[in-house]
Amino acid sequence: MAEPHVTFDVSDRIAIVTLNRPDKLNAFSGRMGQQLGDAYAAADTDDGIRAVVVTGAGRAFCAGADLDPEGEVFSAPKDDHFSSSPVDPPAWVVRKPVIAAMNGHAIGIGLSLAMQCDLRFVAEDAKLSFMHVRRGVLPDAHSHWTVPRTIGFARAADLMLTGRTFRGTEAAELGLANRALPTDEVLPAALEVARDIAVNTAPLSVALSKRLLWASPALDADEVDRRETWYHRLVMGSADAREGVQAYLERRDPNWTLSPSTHLPDPLP
């Protein structure tokens, strides 16, 4: 059987999703996009998973689209189902925090996919670039939405309209990444945060907060207040609200019992 382009492992309530084409610096393929979406969907529906860490095998995170001739990445779409965002669901839809552990270069769609995550840790010397405009296309995977909302219009324009290459250290300075670290510390740091989330945060509360965070730039203050109030009505007085306080008073790890898959109404505002 062919090697999977994405591997999926679960340990200590953390899903570790690995882009798995190390011989090609994890260059993005159609199969990788499908398998990454499948991994996100599995993590979203599994109540035993509390956080997701996405990283790359070998020395890169994702070196961009596979430009081998057989890849035909930039060929004209053959049908009406083409989407510039080839991972379904995207990371921001997953009802658990998704952390990108960018252990090396993240180029083109590799960087676009990292921007769909909630948190990003990057290797200090990693090369990053929205180089799409230097290949005759343009940034993809919702990056015209994720990047300006993260670092603002002026900084997004600098990176996306020039396609210039920059390092992980600059990414952290710009706010594109949460932290820039030595390469061998990137994945451990991401896993440490994931473990903290898995133990100490209430799953339902996190799912609600994440949903509102991703929606908030398009909402005015009154709508944010309406949704915050609605969400509070879901959690206040709940078993987890009582457990969070009790665990704190007793100086022990909390035992959460509510889950996004069971206790979130559908549709959720």
Protein backbone atom coordinates (compact mmCIF):
# COMPACT_ATOMS: atom_id res chain seq x y z
CA MET A 1 0.00 0.00 0.00
CA ALA A 2 1.13 3.54 -0.72
CA GLU A 3 2.40 5.55 2.22
CA PRO A 4 -0.27 7.90 3.58
CA HIS A 5 0.34 11.57 2.86
CA VAL A 6 -1.03 12.38 6.33
CA THR A 7 -0.71 10.28 9.47
CA PHE A 8 -3.06 10.47 12.44
CA ASP A 9 -2.12 9.36 15.96
CA VAL A 10 -3.81 9.94 19.31
CA SER A 11 -1.98 10.04 22.64
CA ASP A 12 -3.07 11.50 25.98
CA ARG A 13 -6.20 13.00 24.36
CA ILE A 14 -4.11 14.83 21.75
CA ALA A 15 -4.37 14.09 18.05
CA ILE A 16 -1.02 14.43 16.28
CA VAL A 17 -1.57 15.01 12.57
CA THR A 18 1.61 14.76 10.50
CA LEU A 19 2.07 15.85 6.91
CA ASN A 20 3.95 12.81 5.67
CA ARG A 21 5.93 13.34 2.46
CA PRO A 22 9.36 14.01 3.99
CA ASP A 23 11.21 13.12 0.79
CA LYS A 24 9.36 15.99 -0.91
CA LEU A 25 9.49 18.36 2.08
CA ASN A 26 5.81 17.52 2.60
CA ALA A 27 4.80 19.18 -0.66
CA PHE A 28 1.03 19.46 -0.83
CA SER A 29 -0.88 16.98 -2.98
CA GLY A 30 -4.54 16.34 -3.63
CA ARG A 31 -4.28 13.20 -1.54
CA MET A 32 -2.73 15.18 1.31
CA GLY A 33 -5.62 17.64 1.21
CA GLN A 34 -8.19 14.83 1.35
CA GLN A 35 -6.41 13.02 4.17
CA LEU A 36 -5.88 16.21 6.18
CA GLY A 37 -9.60 16.95 5.95
CA ASP A 38 -10.37 13.39 7.03
CA ALA A 39 -8.04 13.80 10.03
CA TYR A 40 -9.71 17.06 11.07
CA ALA A 41 -13.16 15.48 10.75
CA ALA A 42 -12.10 12.52 12.89
CA ALA A 43 -10.67 14.81 15.58
CA ASP A 44 -13.81 16.95 15.57
CA THR A 45 -16.19 14.08 16.25
CA ASP A 46 -14.07 12.13 18.75
CA ASP A 47 -14.86 13.33 22.28
CA GLY A 48 -11.71 11.60 23.50
CA ILE A 49 -9.60 14.14 21.60
CA ARG A 50 -9.20 17.50 23.30
CA ALA A 51 -6.61 19.22 21.09
CA VAL A 52 -4.95 18.74 17.71
CA VAL A 53 -1.31 19.34 16.78
CA VAL A 54 -0.39 19.53 13.09
CA THR A 55 3.26 19.16 12.11
CA GLY A 56 5.46 17.94 9.29
CA ALA A 57 7.59 14.81 8.95
CA GLY A 58 11.29 15.42 8.49
CA ARG A 59 12.76 18.90 8.18
CA ALA A 60 9.85 20.90 6.73
CA PHE A 61 6.29 21.71 7.65
CA CYS A 62 5.04 21.97 4.06
CA ALA A 63 7.12 23.32 1.20
CA GLY A 64 4.08 24.32 -0.85
CA ALA A 65 2.27 22.73 -3.76
CA ASP A 66 3.85 19.72 -5.44
CA LEU A 67 5.28 21.24 -8.62
CA ASP A 68 6.27 17.93 -10.22
CA PRO A 69 4.76 17.68 -13.70
CA GLU A 70 2.46 14.85 -12.71
CA GLY A 71 1.10 16.96 -9.88
CA GLU A 72 -0.53 19.43 -12.31
CA VAL A 73 -1.25 21.63 -9.29
CA PHE A 74 -1.90 24.79 -11.28
CA SER A 75 -3.72 23.17 -14.20
CA ALA A 76 -7.04 24.70 -15.18
CA PRO A 77 -9.95 23.26 -13.11
CA LYS A 78 -11.68 20.42 -14.93
CA ASP A 79 -15.11 20.78 -13.29
CA ASP A 80 -17.33 23.10 -11.27
CA HIS A 81 -16.31 21.51 -7.96
CA PHE A 82 -12.90 23.20 -7.82
CA SER A 83 -12.14 25.10 -4.62
CA SER A 84 -9.08 27.15 -3.74
CA SER A 85 -9.47 25.77 -0.20
CA PRO A 86 -8.88 22.03 -0.67
CA VAL A 87 -9.06 20.88 2.97
CA ASP A 88 -12.57 20.13 4.21
CA PRO A 89 -13.27 20.81 7.01
CA PRO A 90 -10.70 23.56 7.59
CA ALA A 91 -8.97 23.72 10.96
CA TRP A 92 -11.08 26.60 12.27
CA VAL A 93 -14.24 24.44 12.05
CA VAL A 94 -12.80 21.74 14.34
CA ARG A 95 -14.37 22.17 17.77
CA LYS A 96 -11.05 21.67 19.54
CA PRO A 97 -7.97 23.91 19.43
CA VAL A 98 -5.74 23.15 16.44
CA ILE A 99 -2.06 24.03 16.91
CA ALA A 100 0.38 24.24 13.99
CA ALA A 101 3.86 23.05 14.99
CA MET A 102 5.76 24.51 12.06
CA ASN A 103 8.98 22.57 12.44
CA GLY A 104 10.47 23.90 9.21
CA HIS A 105 9.71 25.68 5.96
CA ALA A 106 6.07 26.63 5.28
CA ILE A 107 5.68 27.90 1.74
CA GLY A 108 2.60 28.75 -0.30
CA ILE A 109 -0.32 26.55 0.64
CA GLY A 110 1.77 25.18 3.50
CA LEU A 111 1.64 28.60 5.15
CA SER A 112 -1.99 29.12 4.13
CA LEU A 113 -2.99 25.91 5.91
CA ALA A 114 -1.05 26.88 9.03
CA MET A 115 -3.02 30.14 9.08
CA GLN A 116 -6.25 28.13 9.41
CA CYS A 117 -5.05 26.88 12.81
CA ASP A 118 -5.76 28.56 16.13
CA LEU A 119 -2.17 28.74 17.38
CA ARG A 120 1.15 28.59 15.54
CA PHE A 121 4.61 27.73 16.85
CA VAL A 122 7.39 28.10 14.29
CA ALA A 123 11.06 27.26 13.96
CA GLU A 124 13.13 30.43 14.21
CA ASP A 125 15.05 29.73 10.99
CA ALA A 126 12.13 28.33 8.99
CA LYS A 127 11.54 29.98 5.62
CA LEU A 128 7.97 31.19 5.17
CA SER A 129 6.32 32.74 2.15
CA PHE A 130 3.01 33.40 0.45
CA MET A 131 4.90 32.93 -2.81
CA HIS A 132 1.80 32.27 -4.90
CA VAL A 133 2.03 35.57 -6.81
CA ARG A 134 5.56 34.59 -7.89
CA ARG A 135 4.14 31.43 -9.50
CA GLY A 136 1.34 33.08 -11.44
CA VAL A 137 -1.47 32.30 -8.99
CA LEU A 138 -2.57 33.90 -5.71
CA PRO A 139 -2.78 32.98 -2.01
CA ASP A 140 -5.29 30.25 -1.26
CA ALA A 141 -7.09 28.32 1.48
CA HIS A 142 -8.93 31.41 2.79
CA SER A 143 -5.64 33.25 3.41
CA HIS A 144 -7.15 36.55 2.24
CA TRP A 145 -9.41 36.15 5.28
CA THR A 146 -7.12 34.49 7.85
CA VAL A 147 -4.02 36.63 7.34
CA PRO A 148 -5.49 40.19 7.50
CA ARG A 149 -7.62 39.23 10.53
CA THR A 150 -4.45 37.98 12.24
CA ILE A 151 -1.91 40.71 11.47
CA GLY A 152 -3.90 43.55 9.87
CA PHE A 153 -4.24 44.79 6.30
CA ALA A 154 -0.89 46.56 5.88
CA ARG A 155 1.21 43.64 7.08
CA ALA A 156 -0.90 41.14 5.15
CA ALA A 157 -0.46 43.21 1.97
CA ASP A 158 3.31 43.30 2.50
CA LEU A 159 3.52 39.52 2.68
CA MET A 160 0.85 38.50 0.18
CA LEU A 161 1.38 41.03 -2.62
CA THR A 162 5.17 40.69 -2.68
CA GLY A 163 5.40 36.95 -2.05
CA ARG A 164 8.64 37.64 -0.22
CA THR A 165 10.36 35.07 1.96
CA PHE A 166 10.74 35.72 5.67
CA ARG A 167 11.92 33.73 8.68
CA GLY A 168 10.10 32.31 11.66
CA THR A 169 11.52 35.02 13.91
CA GLU A 170 9.87 37.71 11.79
CA ALA A 171 6.62 35.73 11.74
CA ALA A 172 6.50 35.96 15.54
CA GLU A 173 7.38 39.67 15.45
CA LEU A 174 4.52 40.28 13.01
CA GLY A 175 2.06 38.27 15.10
CA LEU A 176 1.69 35.65 12.37
CA ALA A 177 3.04 33.05 14.82
CA ASN A 178 2.55 32.87 18.58
CA ARG A 179 6.14 31.84 19.24
CA ALA A 180 9.39 31.33 17.33
CA LEU A 181 11.60 28.65 18.85
CA PRO A 182 14.67 26.56 18.02
CA THR A 183 13.62 23.81 15.63
CA ASP A 184 13.85 20.97 18.13
CA GLU A 185 11.64 22.84 20.61
CA VAL A 186 8.70 23.54 18.27
CA LEU A 187 6.81 20.26 18.53
CA PRO A 188 7.43 19.81 22.29
CA ALA A 189 6.13 23.34 22.93
CA ALA A 190 3.01 22.67 20.88
CA LEU A 191 2.40 19.38 22.70
CA GLU A 192 2.90 21.05 26.08
CA VAL A 193 0.17 23.59 25.29
CA ALA A 194 -2.06 20.84 23.91
CA ARG A 195 -1.67 18.81 27.11
CA ASP A 196 -2.52 21.84 29.23
CA ILE A 197 -5.67 22.35 27.16
CA ALA A 198 -6.56 18.65 27.36
CA VAL A 199 -6.41 18.61 31.15
CA ASN A 200 -7.38 22.04 32.36
CA THR A 201 -9.94 23.50 29.95
CA ALA A 202 -13.61 22.54 29.64
CA PRO A 203 -14.29 21.09 26.15
CA LEU A 204 -17.65 22.75 25.68
CA SER A 205 -16.36 26.14 26.85
CA VAL A 206 -13.40 25.93 24.49
CA ALA A 207 -15.60 24.99 21.54
CA LEU A 208 -17.88 27.95 22.17
CA SER A 209 -15.05 30.41 22.68
CA LYS A 210 -13.26 29.20 19.54
CA ARG A 211 -16.41 29.60 17.45
CA LEU A 212 -16.93 33.15 18.69
CA LEU A 213 -13.28 34.10 18.23
CA TRP A 214 -13.33 33.08 14.58
CA ALA A 215 -16.66 34.85 13.98
CA SER A 216 -15.92 38.01 15.98
CA PRO A 217 -14.13 40.22 13.40
CA ALA A 218 -17.31 40.36 11.32
CA LEU A 219 -19.60 41.02 14.29
CA ASP A 220 -20.39 44.31 15.99
CA ALA A 221 -20.28 44.70 19.76
CA ASP A 222 -24.00 44.10 20.20
CA GLU A 223 -23.91 40.84 18.24
CA VAL A 224 -20.89 39.61 20.18
CA ASP A 225 -22.74 40.40 23.40
CA ARG A 226 -25.82 38.54 22.15
CA ARG A 227 -23.81 35.44 21.30
CA GLU A 228 -21.71 35.55 24.48
CA THR A 229 -24.90 35.77 26.52
CA TRP A 230 -26.50 32.91 24.59
CA TYR A 231 -23.39 30.75 25.04
CA HIS A 232 -23.19 31.57 28.74
CA ARG A 233 -26.72 30.29 29.15
CA LEU A 234 -25.49 26.95 27.79
CA VAL A 235 -22.68 26.55 30.32
CA MET A 236 -23.66 28.47 33.47
CA GLY A 237 -25.03 26.14 36.11
CA SER A 238 -23.83 23.12 34.14
CA ALA A 239 -21.93 20.15 35.53
CA ASP A 240 -18.68 21.51 34.09
CA ALA A 241 -19.21 24.96 35.57
CA ARG A 242 -19.59 23.35 38.98
CA GLU A 243 -16.69 20.98 38.38
CA GLY A 244 -14.31 23.76 37.32
CA VAL A 245 -14.82 25.62 40.59
CA GLN A 246 -14.72 22.48 42.72
CA ALA A 247 -11.53 21.20 41.13
CA TYR A 248 -9.88 24.57 41.67
CA LEU A 249 -10.87 24.64 45.35
CA GLU A 250 -9.69 21.06 45.85
CA ARG A 251 -6.42 21.65 43.95
CA ARG A 252 -6.97 18.72 41.60
CA ASP A 253 -7.39 18.13 37.87
CA PRO A 254 -10.97 18.67 36.74
CA ASN A 255 -13.17 15.83 35.48
CA TRP A 256 -15.10 17.37 32.58
CA THR A 257 -18.29 15.63 31.46
CA LEU A 258 -19.80 17.87 28.76
CA SER A 259 -18.72 17.51 25.14
CA PRO A 260 -19.16 19.49 21.92
CA SER A 261 -20.57 16.55 19.98
CA THR A 262 -23.30 15.90 22.57
CA HIS A 263 -24.11 19.22 24.21
CA LEU A 264 -23.85 21.80 21.43
CA PRO A 265 -27.17 22.62 19.76
CA ASP A 266 -27.35 22.49 15.98
CA PRO A 267 -27.44 25.00 14.44
CA LEU A 268 -25.39 27.09 16.82
CA PRO A 269 -25.51 30.88 16.38
